[in-house]
Every structure is written in C-alpha cells, then in structure tokens.
C-alpha cells in the first residue's frame, strides 16, 4: 500500500482531501503545523476529530518561533468587540512557502514522496501565496531539488466545489474549523468564514 503525506489543518479543504485519499485506499500520514496561530489548540482538537480513523497518528510539528512577534491577527488574536480587523491584517509572509519546504523535508526524511494539500485558488486579499499560480511555481522548485512531489486536488476549485465534494464523501463539515479571526468559535466575518458560508448557502445547506 502506497503511503502519502497530508498537510492537515482541520479545515474543510484539507479534510475533504483526506476523505478523497481514504476513498482511494491510500495509507496516509497526516502532518499538522503549529506556526503560532492563536487557534492552534482548536485546530488540533478538530483535526483529531475529523480525519478518517484509518489514518496514521497525526504528527504535530512546531514552527511557531519563526513568527514570534508577528502582528498578523492570525498570530495575535484581536478582540472582535473593539478591534477592527482588515484582510491585510490576516496575512503571514512566506507561510505557504514554509509549509511546502517543511513538509517536503519531513516527507523525504520518512521516505514519502507524495504530499497532498487542501489549498484552493484563493481570491482573498493578500493571500498571494494561496493562488494556483503560486503553487504551480512551488512545484517547479521541488522538481529541481528533490524527489518529493506536491498534489493539491482543489488548486483550481472554488470553495463551493470543495463543499460539494465533501458532501459526496461524507465529510463532517460542521466539525471542521478554519476561522482566521477567532480562536474558539467561527467569527462568521473573516474571509475564510465568509467564503465558507457562501459556499454552503450555494449548495442549499444554509438559509
């Protein structure tokens, strides 16, 4: 049985990829990154709840020292009662590049040559490192320096496309978590929450 790695966050996109891999009968090694995000413990609980039970034990790796002192509201949680949070406040420079590099290094160390991600072609302000164009360029970099290859099944998809596939696969959508602004419960107003709610409404799952 072939083993692949999955960069798992507990969010809808990576969890849907997890169920796709389970459907294919692959052995999956999930990798979770603690990069200092304020919601890390909520994400950690959720990722342990939502991934298929057939997967290997989730490995948690800490990268938080690299973003120590960051003013990003993904790191330093805002008080949503009094603080105004803009899209620009949620950007973390080089985060996706770091994730790719760390995952490739860990995968090759373990003898795994395929890494799957849940990245979609984001249109969020400032998320220049979550576009299909950016991910395609990262693929070119790994082609030159090592045997690990990345696969992002939804890199050209919308959130509604992902949610539709999640429904087909029986993903526990309601237990996934990907809020950017609040660490405990989804705020409903950050770009991730807005995009998610719009996708669920488009599929008729919300009024």
N, C-alpha and C. Protein backbone atom coordinates (compact mmCIF):
# COMPACT_ATOMS: atom_id res chain seq x y z
N UNK A 1 0.84 -1.19 0.00
CA UNK A 1 0.00 0.00 0.00
C UNK A 1 0.89 1.25 0.00
N UNK A 2 0.63 2.16 -0.93
CA UNK A 2 1.42 3.37 -1.02
C UNK A 2 1.10 4.32 0.12
N UNK A 3 2.14 4.95 0.69
CA UNK A 3 1.98 5.92 1.75
C UNK A 3 2.17 7.32 1.20
N UNK A 4 1.27 8.22 1.54
CA UNK A 4 1.37 9.62 1.14
C UNK A 4 1.24 10.47 2.40
N UNK A 5 1.71 11.71 2.30
CA UNK A 5 1.58 12.66 3.41
C UNK A 5 0.47 13.64 3.10
N UNK A 6 -0.26 14.06 4.14
CA UNK A 6 -1.28 15.09 4.00
C UNK A 6 -1.00 16.22 4.97
N UNK A 7 -0.90 17.43 4.46
CA UNK A 7 -0.82 18.60 5.32
C UNK A 7 -2.23 18.89 5.80
N UNK A 8 -2.49 18.60 7.08
CA UNK A 8 -3.85 18.65 7.61
C UNK A 8 -3.99 19.76 8.64
N UNK A 9 -5.08 20.51 8.56
CA UNK A 9 -5.29 21.63 9.48
C UNK A 9 -6.58 21.51 10.27
N UNK A 10 -7.45 20.60 9.87
CA UNK A 10 -8.77 20.52 10.49
C UNK A 10 -9.80 21.37 9.77
N UNK A 11 -9.38 22.06 8.70
CA UNK A 11 -10.30 22.88 7.91
C UNK A 11 -11.02 22.04 6.87
N UNK A 12 -12.00 22.66 6.23
CA UNK A 12 -12.82 21.95 5.25
C UNK A 12 -12.01 21.42 4.08
N UNK A 13 -11.08 22.23 3.56
CA UNK A 13 -10.37 21.85 2.34
C UNK A 13 -9.46 20.64 2.56
N UNK A 14 -8.59 20.70 3.56
CA UNK A 14 -7.66 19.58 3.78
C UNK A 14 -8.40 18.34 4.27
N UNK A 15 -9.50 18.54 5.00
CA UNK A 15 -10.27 17.38 5.46
C UNK A 15 -10.95 16.68 4.30
N UNK A 16 -11.42 17.45 3.33
CA UNK A 16 -12.03 16.85 2.14
C UNK A 16 -10.99 16.08 1.34
N UNK A 17 -9.78 16.62 1.22
CA UNK A 17 -8.70 15.86 0.57
C UNK A 17 -8.43 14.57 1.34
N UNK A 18 -8.49 14.62 2.66
CA UNK A 18 -8.28 13.42 3.48
C UNK A 18 -9.27 12.33 3.10
N UNK A 19 -10.52 12.69 2.95
CA UNK A 19 -11.53 11.69 2.61
C UNK A 19 -11.38 11.19 1.17
N UNK A 20 -10.88 12.05 0.29
CA UNK A 20 -10.56 11.60 -1.07
C UNK A 20 -9.47 10.52 -1.03
N UNK A 21 -8.43 10.76 -0.23
CA UNK A 21 -7.34 9.80 -0.12
C UNK A 21 -7.81 8.50 0.51
N UNK A 22 -8.69 8.61 1.51
CA UNK A 22 -9.24 7.41 2.13
C UNK A 22 -10.05 6.61 1.13
N UNK A 23 -10.80 7.31 0.29
CA UNK A 23 -11.60 6.64 -0.74
C UNK A 23 -10.71 5.86 -1.71
N UNK A 24 -9.50 6.37 -1.93
CA UNK A 24 -8.57 5.71 -2.84
C UNK A 24 -7.80 4.56 -2.18
N UNK A 25 -8.01 4.38 -0.89
CA UNK A 25 -7.39 3.27 -0.19
C UNK A 25 -5.91 3.48 0.11
N UNK A 26 -5.47 4.74 0.17
CA UNK A 26 -4.06 5.02 0.42
C UNK A 26 -3.76 5.03 1.92
N UNK A 27 -2.54 4.71 2.26
CA UNK A 27 -2.07 4.87 3.63
C UNK A 27 -1.64 6.33 3.78
N UNK A 28 -2.19 7.03 4.77
CA UNK A 28 -2.00 8.47 4.87
C UNK A 28 -1.32 8.84 6.18
N UNK A 29 -0.25 9.62 6.06
CA UNK A 29 0.49 10.16 7.21
C UNK A 29 0.13 11.63 7.32
N UNK A 30 -0.68 12.04 8.31
CA UNK A 30 -1.09 13.44 8.42
C UNK A 30 -0.04 14.27 9.17
N UNK A 31 0.19 15.47 8.66
CA UNK A 31 1.16 16.39 9.26
C UNK A 31 0.45 17.69 9.60
N UNK A 32 0.54 18.10 10.86
CA UNK A 32 -0.11 19.32 11.34
C UNK A 32 0.96 20.32 11.77
N UNK A 33 0.79 21.58 11.36
CA UNK A 33 1.76 22.61 11.70
C UNK A 33 1.21 23.57 12.76
N UNK A 34 1.97 23.71 13.84
CA UNK A 34 1.75 24.76 14.83
C UNK A 34 2.71 25.88 14.46
N UNK A 35 2.18 26.94 13.86
CA UNK A 35 3.04 28.06 13.46
C UNK A 35 2.80 29.27 14.36
N UNK A 36 2.20 29.04 15.52
CA UNK A 36 1.92 30.12 16.45
C UNK A 36 0.54 30.72 16.27
N UNK A 37 -0.31 30.12 15.43
CA UNK A 37 -1.66 30.64 15.22
C UNK A 37 -2.44 30.62 16.54
N UNK A 38 -3.23 31.67 16.75
CA UNK A 38 -3.95 31.78 18.02
C UNK A 38 -4.96 30.65 18.21
N UNK A 39 -5.40 30.05 17.12
CA UNK A 39 -6.41 29.00 17.20
C UNK A 39 -5.79 27.60 17.16
N UNK A 40 -4.51 27.48 17.46
CA UNK A 40 -3.81 26.21 17.25
C UNK A 40 -4.43 25.07 18.04
N UNK A 41 -4.85 25.29 19.27
CA UNK A 41 -5.39 24.20 20.06
C UNK A 41 -6.78 23.79 19.57
N UNK A 42 -7.55 24.75 19.08
CA UNK A 42 -8.84 24.42 18.48
C UNK A 42 -8.64 23.62 17.21
N UNK A 43 -7.70 24.06 16.36
CA UNK A 43 -7.40 23.32 15.14
C UNK A 43 -6.91 21.91 15.46
N UNK A 44 -6.06 21.80 16.48
CA UNK A 44 -5.50 20.49 16.83
C UNK A 44 -6.60 19.54 17.29
N UNK A 45 -7.54 20.04 18.09
CA UNK A 45 -8.67 19.20 18.52
C UNK A 45 -9.51 18.77 17.32
N UNK A 46 -9.79 19.72 16.46
CA UNK A 46 -10.66 19.41 15.33
C UNK A 46 -10.01 18.45 14.35
N UNK A 47 -8.73 18.64 14.07
CA UNK A 47 -8.08 17.75 13.10
C UNK A 47 -8.06 16.31 13.63
N UNK A 48 -7.96 16.16 14.94
CA UNK A 48 -8.01 14.83 15.53
C UNK A 48 -9.42 14.24 15.52
N UNK A 49 -10.43 15.10 15.44
CA UNK A 49 -11.81 14.65 15.39
C UNK A 49 -12.24 14.25 13.98
N UNK A 50 -11.80 15.01 12.99
CA UNK A 50 -12.43 14.91 11.67
C UNK A 50 -11.72 13.98 10.69
N UNK A 51 -10.45 13.66 10.90
CA UNK A 51 -9.76 12.81 9.93
C UNK A 51 -10.24 11.37 10.04
N UNK A 52 -10.23 10.64 8.93
CA UNK A 52 -10.64 9.23 8.97
C UNK A 52 -9.81 8.42 9.96
N UNK A 53 -10.43 7.50 10.65
CA UNK A 53 -9.77 6.72 11.70
C UNK A 53 -8.72 5.77 11.13
N UNK A 54 -8.78 5.53 9.84
CA UNK A 54 -7.82 4.60 9.22
C UNK A 54 -6.45 5.23 9.05
N UNK A 55 -6.33 6.55 9.24
CA UNK A 55 -5.07 7.24 9.01
C UNK A 55 -4.06 6.94 10.11
N UNK A 56 -2.80 7.17 9.78
CA UNK A 56 -1.75 7.09 10.79
C UNK A 56 -1.97 8.18 11.85
N UNK A 57 -1.30 8.05 12.98
CA UNK A 57 -1.40 9.06 14.03
C UNK A 57 -0.90 10.40 13.50
N UNK A 58 -1.62 11.47 13.80
CA UNK A 58 -1.27 12.80 13.31
C UNK A 58 0.00 13.29 14.00
N UNK A 59 0.93 13.75 13.20
CA UNK A 59 2.17 14.30 13.75
C UNK A 59 2.07 15.82 13.80
N UNK A 60 2.37 16.39 14.96
CA UNK A 60 2.33 17.83 15.16
C UNK A 60 3.75 18.38 15.17
N UNK A 61 4.01 19.34 14.30
CA UNK A 61 5.33 19.96 14.22
C UNK A 61 5.23 21.45 14.52
N UNK A 62 6.16 21.96 15.31
CA UNK A 62 6.13 23.34 15.76
C UNK A 62 7.05 24.23 14.93
N UNK A 63 6.47 25.27 14.36
CA UNK A 63 7.21 26.28 13.60
C UNK A 63 6.99 27.66 14.20
N UNK A 64 6.45 27.71 15.40
CA UNK A 64 5.96 28.97 15.95
C UNK A 64 7.05 30.00 16.21
N UNK A 65 8.26 29.55 16.50
CA UNK A 65 9.32 30.52 16.78
C UNK A 65 9.59 31.44 15.60
N UNK A 66 9.32 30.96 14.40
CA UNK A 66 9.62 31.76 13.21
C UNK A 66 8.72 32.98 13.09
N UNK A 67 7.54 32.93 13.70
CA UNK A 67 6.61 34.05 13.60
C UNK A 67 6.44 34.77 14.93
N UNK A 68 7.39 34.55 15.84
CA UNK A 68 7.34 35.24 17.12
C UNK A 68 7.40 36.75 16.90
N UNK A 69 6.47 37.47 17.52
CA UNK A 69 6.42 38.93 17.37
C UNK A 69 5.61 39.40 16.19
N UNK A 70 5.03 38.47 15.42
CA UNK A 70 4.23 38.87 14.26
C UNK A 70 3.00 39.66 14.69
N UNK A 71 2.68 40.68 13.92
CA UNK A 71 1.49 41.49 14.20
C UNK A 71 0.26 40.94 13.47
N UNK A 72 0.44 39.88 12.70
CA UNK A 72 -0.69 39.30 12.00
C UNK A 72 -1.76 38.88 13.00
N UNK A 73 -3.01 39.12 12.64
CA UNK A 73 -4.11 38.73 13.51
C UNK A 73 -4.38 37.23 13.47
N UNK A 74 -3.65 36.50 12.65
CA UNK A 74 -3.66 35.04 12.74
C UNK A 74 -2.78 34.57 13.90
N UNK A 75 -1.85 35.41 14.30
CA UNK A 75 -0.94 35.09 15.40
C UNK A 75 -1.41 35.78 16.70
N UNK A 76 -1.64 37.05 16.61
CA UNK A 76 -2.08 37.85 17.75
C UNK A 76 -3.58 38.07 17.64
N UNK A 77 -4.34 37.35 18.44
CA UNK A 77 -5.80 37.39 18.30
C UNK A 77 -6.37 38.75 18.66
N UNK A 78 -7.27 39.23 17.82
CA UNK A 78 -7.94 40.50 18.07
C UNK A 78 -9.09 40.31 19.04
N UNK A 79 -9.45 41.38 19.71
CA UNK A 79 -10.70 41.43 20.46
C UNK A 79 -11.75 41.93 19.49
N UNK A 80 -12.59 41.03 19.02
CA UNK A 80 -13.51 41.39 17.95
C UNK A 80 -14.62 42.34 18.39
N UNK A 81 -14.71 42.58 19.69
CA UNK A 81 -15.68 43.56 20.18
C UNK A 81 -15.17 44.99 19.98
N UNK A 82 -13.86 45.15 19.97
CA UNK A 82 -13.33 46.51 19.91
C UNK A 82 -12.32 46.74 18.80
N UNK A 83 -11.69 45.69 18.29
CA UNK A 83 -10.64 45.85 17.28
C UNK A 83 -11.21 45.70 15.87
N UNK A 84 -10.81 46.56 14.99
CA UNK A 84 -11.16 46.42 13.58
C UNK A 84 -10.10 45.55 12.90
N UNK A 85 -10.55 44.52 12.19
CA UNK A 85 -9.63 43.60 11.53
C UNK A 85 -9.88 43.65 10.03
N UNK A 86 -8.84 43.97 9.27
CA UNK A 86 -8.92 44.01 7.81
C UNK A 86 -8.25 42.79 7.21
N UNK A 87 -8.54 42.54 5.94
CA UNK A 87 -7.93 41.40 5.25
C UNK A 87 -6.41 41.44 5.35
N UNK A 88 -5.85 42.65 5.20
CA UNK A 88 -4.39 42.78 5.23
C UNK A 88 -3.81 42.34 6.56
N UNK A 89 -4.59 42.44 7.64
CA UNK A 89 -4.11 42.09 8.97
C UNK A 89 -3.95 40.59 9.15
N UNK A 90 -4.49 39.81 8.21
CA UNK A 90 -4.51 38.35 8.35
C UNK A 90 -3.43 37.66 7.53
N UNK A 91 -2.59 38.43 6.90
CA UNK A 91 -1.54 37.85 6.05
C UNK A 91 -0.30 37.52 6.86
N UNK A 92 0.30 36.37 6.58
CA UNK A 92 1.57 35.99 7.19
C UNK A 92 2.56 35.72 6.07
N UNK A 93 3.62 36.50 5.95
CA UNK A 93 4.54 36.35 4.82
C UNK A 93 5.26 35.01 4.81
N UNK A 94 5.33 34.41 3.63
CA UNK A 94 6.10 33.19 3.37
C UNK A 94 5.53 31.95 4.07
N UNK A 95 4.33 32.03 4.62
CA UNK A 95 3.79 30.89 5.36
C UNK A 95 3.64 29.66 4.47
N UNK A 96 3.04 29.82 3.30
CA UNK A 96 2.84 28.67 2.43
C UNK A 96 4.17 28.10 1.95
N UNK A 97 5.10 28.98 1.62
CA UNK A 97 6.43 28.52 1.21
C UNK A 97 7.08 27.71 2.33
N UNK A 98 6.92 28.18 3.55
CA UNK A 98 7.46 27.46 4.71
C UNK A 98 6.80 26.10 4.86
N UNK A 99 5.48 26.05 4.72
CA UNK A 99 4.76 24.78 4.83
C UNK A 99 5.25 23.78 3.79
N UNK A 100 5.40 24.24 2.57
CA UNK A 100 5.86 23.35 1.50
C UNK A 100 7.25 22.81 1.82
N UNK A 101 8.14 23.70 2.21
CA UNK A 101 9.51 23.28 2.49
C UNK A 101 9.57 22.31 3.66
N UNK A 102 8.86 22.63 4.74
CA UNK A 102 8.88 21.77 5.92
C UNK A 102 8.26 20.41 5.62
N UNK A 103 7.16 20.41 4.89
CA UNK A 103 6.51 19.15 4.55
C UNK A 103 7.39 18.29 3.64
N UNK A 104 8.03 18.93 2.67
CA UNK A 104 8.92 18.19 1.78
C UNK A 104 10.08 17.59 2.55
N UNK A 105 10.65 18.36 3.47
CA UNK A 105 11.77 17.87 4.28
C UNK A 105 11.34 16.70 5.15
N UNK A 106 10.18 16.82 5.78
CA UNK A 106 9.70 15.74 6.64
C UNK A 106 9.34 14.50 5.83
N UNK A 107 8.70 14.72 4.69
CA UNK A 107 8.30 13.60 3.84
C UNK A 107 9.52 12.82 3.36
N UNK A 108 10.52 13.52 2.84
CA UNK A 108 11.70 12.81 2.33
C UNK A 108 12.43 12.10 3.47
N UNK A 109 12.44 12.71 4.66
CA UNK A 109 13.05 12.05 5.81
C UNK A 109 12.38 10.72 6.11
N UNK A 110 11.07 10.67 5.92
CA UNK A 110 10.30 9.46 6.21
C UNK A 110 10.21 8.52 5.01
N UNK A 111 10.78 8.92 3.88
CA UNK A 111 10.71 8.09 2.69
C UNK A 111 9.39 8.18 1.97
N UNK A 112 8.66 9.30 2.18
CA UNK A 112 7.38 9.54 1.49
C UNK A 112 7.63 10.52 0.36
N UNK A 113 7.12 10.22 -0.82
CA UNK A 113 7.43 11.04 -1.99
C UNK A 113 6.26 11.86 -2.51
N UNK A 114 5.07 11.69 -1.93
CA UNK A 114 3.91 12.45 -2.38
C UNK A 114 3.27 13.15 -1.18
N UNK A 115 3.10 14.48 -1.31
CA UNK A 115 2.49 15.29 -0.25
C UNK A 115 1.23 15.94 -0.82
N UNK A 116 0.12 15.76 -0.11
CA UNK A 116 -1.15 16.34 -0.53
C UNK A 116 -1.51 17.54 0.34
N UNK A 117 -2.11 18.54 -0.28
CA UNK A 117 -2.55 19.73 0.44
C UNK A 117 -3.99 20.05 0.06
N UNK A 118 -4.63 20.86 0.90
CA UNK A 118 -6.00 21.27 0.62
C UNK A 118 -6.10 22.67 0.06
N UNK A 119 -4.98 23.27 -0.36
CA UNK A 119 -5.02 24.63 -0.86
C UNK A 119 -5.96 24.76 -2.05
N UNK A 120 -6.77 25.82 -2.02
CA UNK A 120 -7.61 26.14 -3.17
C UNK A 120 -7.13 27.46 -3.76
N UNK A 121 -7.63 27.79 -4.93
CA UNK A 121 -7.21 29.02 -5.61
C UNK A 121 -7.90 30.20 -4.96
N UNK A 122 -7.27 30.75 -3.91
CA UNK A 122 -7.91 31.78 -3.09
C UNK A 122 -7.90 33.13 -3.77
N UNK A 123 -9.01 33.84 -3.56
CA UNK A 123 -9.10 35.22 -4.06
C UNK A 123 -9.06 36.23 -2.92
N UNK A 124 -8.70 35.77 -1.72
CA UNK A 124 -8.65 36.68 -0.59
C UNK A 124 -7.58 37.75 -0.80
N UNK A 125 -7.87 38.93 -0.31
CA UNK A 125 -6.86 39.98 -0.34
C UNK A 125 -5.62 39.53 0.40
N UNK A 126 -4.48 39.77 -0.21
CA UNK A 126 -3.17 39.50 0.38
C UNK A 126 -2.78 38.02 0.38
N UNK A 127 -3.68 37.11 0.01
CA UNK A 127 -3.30 35.69 0.02
C UNK A 127 -2.62 35.34 -1.30
N UNK A 128 -1.55 36.07 -1.60
CA UNK A 128 -0.84 35.85 -2.85
C UNK A 128 -0.14 34.49 -2.86
N UNK A 129 0.05 33.90 -1.68
CA UNK A 129 0.72 32.60 -1.62
C UNK A 129 -0.26 31.44 -1.52
N UNK A 130 -1.53 31.69 -1.88
CA UNK A 130 -2.52 30.62 -1.93
C UNK A 130 -3.20 30.55 -3.29
N UNK A 131 -2.57 31.12 -4.30
CA UNK A 131 -3.14 31.07 -5.65
C UNK A 131 -2.57 29.85 -6.39
N UNK A 132 -3.31 29.42 -7.40
CA UNK A 132 -2.85 28.30 -8.22
C UNK A 132 -1.52 28.65 -8.89
N UNK A 133 -1.38 29.90 -9.33
CA UNK A 133 -0.14 30.32 -9.99
C UNK A 133 1.05 30.16 -9.05
N UNK A 134 0.88 30.58 -7.80
CA UNK A 134 1.96 30.48 -6.82
C UNK A 134 2.30 29.02 -6.56
N UNK A 135 1.29 28.18 -6.37
CA UNK A 135 1.54 26.77 -6.09
C UNK A 135 2.21 26.06 -7.26
N UNK A 136 1.84 26.46 -8.48
CA UNK A 136 2.48 25.87 -9.66
C UNK A 136 3.98 26.19 -9.68
N UNK A 137 4.32 27.41 -9.27
CA UNK A 137 5.73 27.78 -9.22
C UNK A 137 6.47 27.00 -8.14
N UNK A 138 5.82 26.74 -7.00
CA UNK A 138 6.45 25.93 -5.96
C UNK A 138 6.71 24.52 -6.46
N UNK A 139 5.79 23.99 -7.24
CA UNK A 139 6.02 22.67 -7.83
C UNK A 139 7.30 22.66 -8.66
N UNK A 140 7.51 23.74 -9.39
CA UNK A 140 8.72 23.82 -10.20
C UNK A 140 9.98 23.82 -9.36
N UNK A 141 9.93 24.45 -8.19
CA UNK A 141 11.08 24.46 -7.31
C UNK A 141 11.41 23.06 -6.81
N UNK A 142 10.39 22.33 -6.36
CA UNK A 142 10.65 20.99 -5.83
C UNK A 142 11.11 20.04 -6.93
N UNK A 143 10.69 20.28 -8.15
CA UNK A 143 11.17 19.46 -9.26
C UNK A 143 12.68 19.51 -9.39
N UNK A 144 13.26 20.65 -9.01
CA UNK A 144 14.69 20.86 -9.20
C UNK A 144 15.55 20.35 -8.05
N UNK A 145 14.97 20.23 -6.84
CA UNK A 145 15.83 19.98 -5.69
C UNK A 145 15.58 18.66 -4.97
N UNK A 146 14.56 17.90 -5.35
CA UNK A 146 14.33 16.66 -4.63
C UNK A 146 13.21 15.83 -5.24
N UNK A 147 12.99 14.63 -4.70
CA UNK A 147 12.01 13.71 -5.29
C UNK A 147 10.58 13.92 -4.81
N UNK A 148 10.37 14.73 -3.78
CA UNK A 148 9.02 14.91 -3.24
C UNK A 148 8.17 15.74 -4.20
N UNK A 149 6.94 15.28 -4.42
CA UNK A 149 6.02 16.00 -5.30
C UNK A 149 4.76 16.36 -4.54
N UNK A 150 4.20 17.53 -4.85
CA UNK A 150 3.01 18.03 -4.18
C UNK A 150 1.78 17.88 -5.06
N UNK A 151 0.67 17.56 -4.42
CA UNK A 151 -0.60 17.40 -5.12
C UNK A 151 -1.67 18.19 -4.37
N UNK A 152 -2.31 19.10 -5.07
CA UNK A 152 -3.37 19.93 -4.49
C UNK A 152 -4.62 19.74 -5.35
N UNK A 153 -5.45 18.75 -5.02
CA UNK A 153 -6.58 18.41 -5.89
C UNK A 153 -7.55 19.55 -6.14
N UNK A 154 -7.58 20.55 -5.25
CA UNK A 154 -8.55 21.64 -5.39
C UNK A 154 -7.90 22.97 -5.75
N UNK A 155 -6.70 22.94 -6.29
CA UNK A 155 -6.00 24.20 -6.55
C UNK A 155 -6.70 25.07 -7.59
N UNK A 156 -7.55 24.48 -8.42
CA UNK A 156 -8.31 25.26 -9.40
C UNK A 156 -9.80 25.32 -9.04
N UNK A 157 -10.14 24.91 -7.83
CA UNK A 157 -11.54 24.79 -7.43
C UNK A 157 -11.99 25.96 -6.57
N UNK A 158 -13.31 26.14 -6.52
CA UNK A 158 -13.91 27.11 -5.61
C UNK A 158 -14.26 26.42 -4.30
N UNK A 159 -14.58 27.21 -3.28
CA UNK A 159 -14.99 26.63 -2.00
C UNK A 159 -16.28 25.82 -2.17
N UNK A 160 -17.17 26.27 -3.06
CA UNK A 160 -18.40 25.52 -3.31
C UNK A 160 -18.09 24.16 -3.93
N UNK A 161 -17.10 24.10 -4.82
CA UNK A 161 -16.69 22.82 -5.40
C UNK A 161 -16.22 21.86 -4.31
N UNK A 162 -15.43 22.40 -3.37
CA UNK A 162 -14.90 21.58 -2.27
C UNK A 162 -16.05 21.10 -1.39
N UNK A 163 -16.96 22.00 -1.04
CA UNK A 163 -18.09 21.63 -0.19
C UNK A 163 -18.97 20.56 -0.86
N UNK A 164 -19.15 20.66 -2.16
CA UNK A 164 -19.94 19.67 -2.90
C UNK A 164 -19.27 18.30 -2.82
N UNK A 165 -17.97 18.26 -2.97
CA UNK A 165 -17.24 17.00 -2.88
C UNK A 165 -17.26 16.48 -1.44
N UNK A 166 -17.19 17.40 -0.48
CA UNK A 166 -17.26 17.00 0.93
C UNK A 166 -18.58 16.30 1.23
N UNK A 167 -19.66 16.83 0.68
CA UNK A 167 -20.98 16.19 0.86
C UNK A 167 -20.98 14.78 0.29
N UNK A 168 -20.43 14.63 -0.90
CA UNK A 168 -20.40 13.30 -1.54
C UNK A 168 -19.62 12.30 -0.70
N UNK A 169 -18.54 12.76 -0.09
CA UNK A 169 -17.64 11.87 0.64
C UNK A 169 -18.07 11.63 2.09
N UNK A 170 -19.06 12.38 2.55
CA UNK A 170 -19.48 12.23 3.94
C UNK A 170 -18.56 12.90 4.94
N UNK A 171 -17.90 13.97 4.53
CA UNK A 171 -17.02 14.72 5.43
C UNK A 171 -17.86 15.38 6.53
N UNK A 172 -17.43 15.33 7.79
CA UNK A 172 -18.16 16.02 8.86
C UNK A 172 -17.93 17.52 8.80
N UNK A 173 -18.59 18.16 7.85
CA UNK A 173 -18.35 19.57 7.55
C UNK A 173 -18.49 20.45 8.79
N UNK A 174 -19.51 20.19 9.59
CA UNK A 174 -19.77 21.02 10.74
C UNK A 174 -18.71 20.97 11.82
N UNK A 175 -17.85 19.96 11.79
CA UNK A 175 -16.79 19.84 12.78
C UNK A 175 -15.47 20.42 12.30
N UNK A 176 -15.37 20.78 11.02
CA UNK A 176 -14.14 21.38 10.52
C UNK A 176 -14.05 22.83 11.00
N UNK A 177 -12.83 23.36 11.05
CA UNK A 177 -12.61 24.70 11.60
C UNK A 177 -11.52 25.40 10.79
N UNK A 178 -11.83 26.63 10.34
CA UNK A 178 -10.82 27.37 9.59
C UNK A 178 -10.98 28.88 9.74
N UNK A 179 -11.53 29.30 10.88
CA UNK A 179 -11.69 30.74 11.12
C UNK A 179 -10.33 31.40 11.31
N UNK A 180 -10.18 32.59 10.75
CA UNK A 180 -8.91 33.31 10.84
C UNK A 180 -8.86 34.28 12.01
N UNK A 181 -10.01 34.76 12.47
CA UNK A 181 -10.02 35.86 13.42
C UNK A 181 -10.31 35.46 14.86
N UNK A 182 -10.98 34.33 15.07
CA UNK A 182 -11.35 33.91 16.42
C UNK A 182 -10.79 32.52 16.70
N UNK A 183 -10.37 32.32 17.93
CA UNK A 183 -9.66 31.07 18.25
C UNK A 183 -10.56 29.96 18.76
N UNK A 184 -11.77 30.27 19.17
CA UNK A 184 -12.63 29.25 19.77
C UNK A 184 -13.81 28.87 18.88
N UNK A 185 -14.56 29.88 18.44
CA UNK A 185 -15.74 29.67 17.61
C UNK A 185 -15.62 30.50 16.34
N UNK A 186 -16.13 30.00 15.20
CA UNK A 186 -16.04 30.78 13.96
C UNK A 186 -16.69 32.14 14.10
N UNK A 187 -15.98 33.18 13.62
CA UNK A 187 -16.47 34.55 13.78
C UNK A 187 -17.58 34.87 12.79
N UNK A 188 -17.57 34.21 11.62
CA UNK A 188 -18.57 34.45 10.60
C UNK A 188 -18.29 35.66 9.73
N UNK A 189 -17.19 36.38 10.01
CA UNK A 189 -16.94 37.62 9.28
C UNK A 189 -15.58 37.68 8.59
N UNK A 190 -14.64 36.83 8.98
CA UNK A 190 -13.32 36.84 8.33
C UNK A 190 -13.45 36.26 6.92
N UNK A 191 -12.46 36.46 6.06
CA UNK A 191 -12.56 35.94 4.69
C UNK A 191 -12.84 34.44 4.61
N UNK A 192 -12.20 33.66 5.45
CA UNK A 192 -12.44 32.21 5.42
C UNK A 192 -13.88 31.88 5.78
N UNK A 193 -14.40 32.51 6.83
CA UNK A 193 -15.77 32.25 7.25
C UNK A 193 -16.77 32.70 6.18
N UNK A 194 -16.56 33.89 5.62
CA UNK A 194 -17.48 34.41 4.60
C UNK A 194 -17.52 33.48 3.39
N UNK A 195 -16.34 33.04 2.94
CA UNK A 195 -16.27 32.16 1.78
C UNK A 195 -16.94 30.81 2.07
N UNK A 196 -16.72 30.28 3.25
CA UNK A 196 -17.32 29.01 3.64
C UNK A 196 -18.84 29.11 3.70
N UNK A 197 -19.35 30.16 4.36
CA UNK A 197 -20.79 30.32 4.48
C UNK A 197 -21.45 30.51 3.11
N UNK A 198 -20.79 31.26 2.23
CA UNK A 198 -21.33 31.48 0.89
C UNK A 198 -21.40 30.15 0.12
N UNK A 199 -20.38 29.31 0.29
CA UNK A 199 -20.36 28.02 -0.40
C UNK A 199 -21.49 27.12 0.10
N UNK A 200 -21.70 27.10 1.41
CA UNK A 200 -22.75 26.26 1.97
C UNK A 200 -24.13 26.76 1.57
N UNK A 201 -24.29 28.08 1.48
CA UNK A 201 -25.57 28.63 1.01
C UNK A 201 -25.80 28.26 -0.45
N UNK A 202 -24.73 28.31 -1.24
CA UNK A 202 -24.84 27.99 -2.67
C UNK A 202 -25.31 26.56 -2.87
N UNK A 203 -24.95 25.68 -1.95
CA UNK A 203 -25.35 24.28 -2.04
C UNK A 203 -26.69 24.01 -1.34
N UNK A 204 -27.29 25.06 -0.79
CA UNK A 204 -28.57 24.90 -0.13
C UNK A 204 -28.50 24.35 1.26
N UNK A 205 -27.31 24.40 1.88
CA UNK A 205 -27.15 23.85 3.22
C UNK A 205 -27.43 24.87 4.30
N UNK A 206 -27.49 26.16 3.92
CA UNK A 206 -27.82 27.23 4.85
C UNK A 206 -28.90 28.10 4.23
N UNK A 207 -29.70 28.70 5.07
CA UNK A 207 -30.75 29.59 4.58
C UNK A 207 -30.15 30.91 4.15
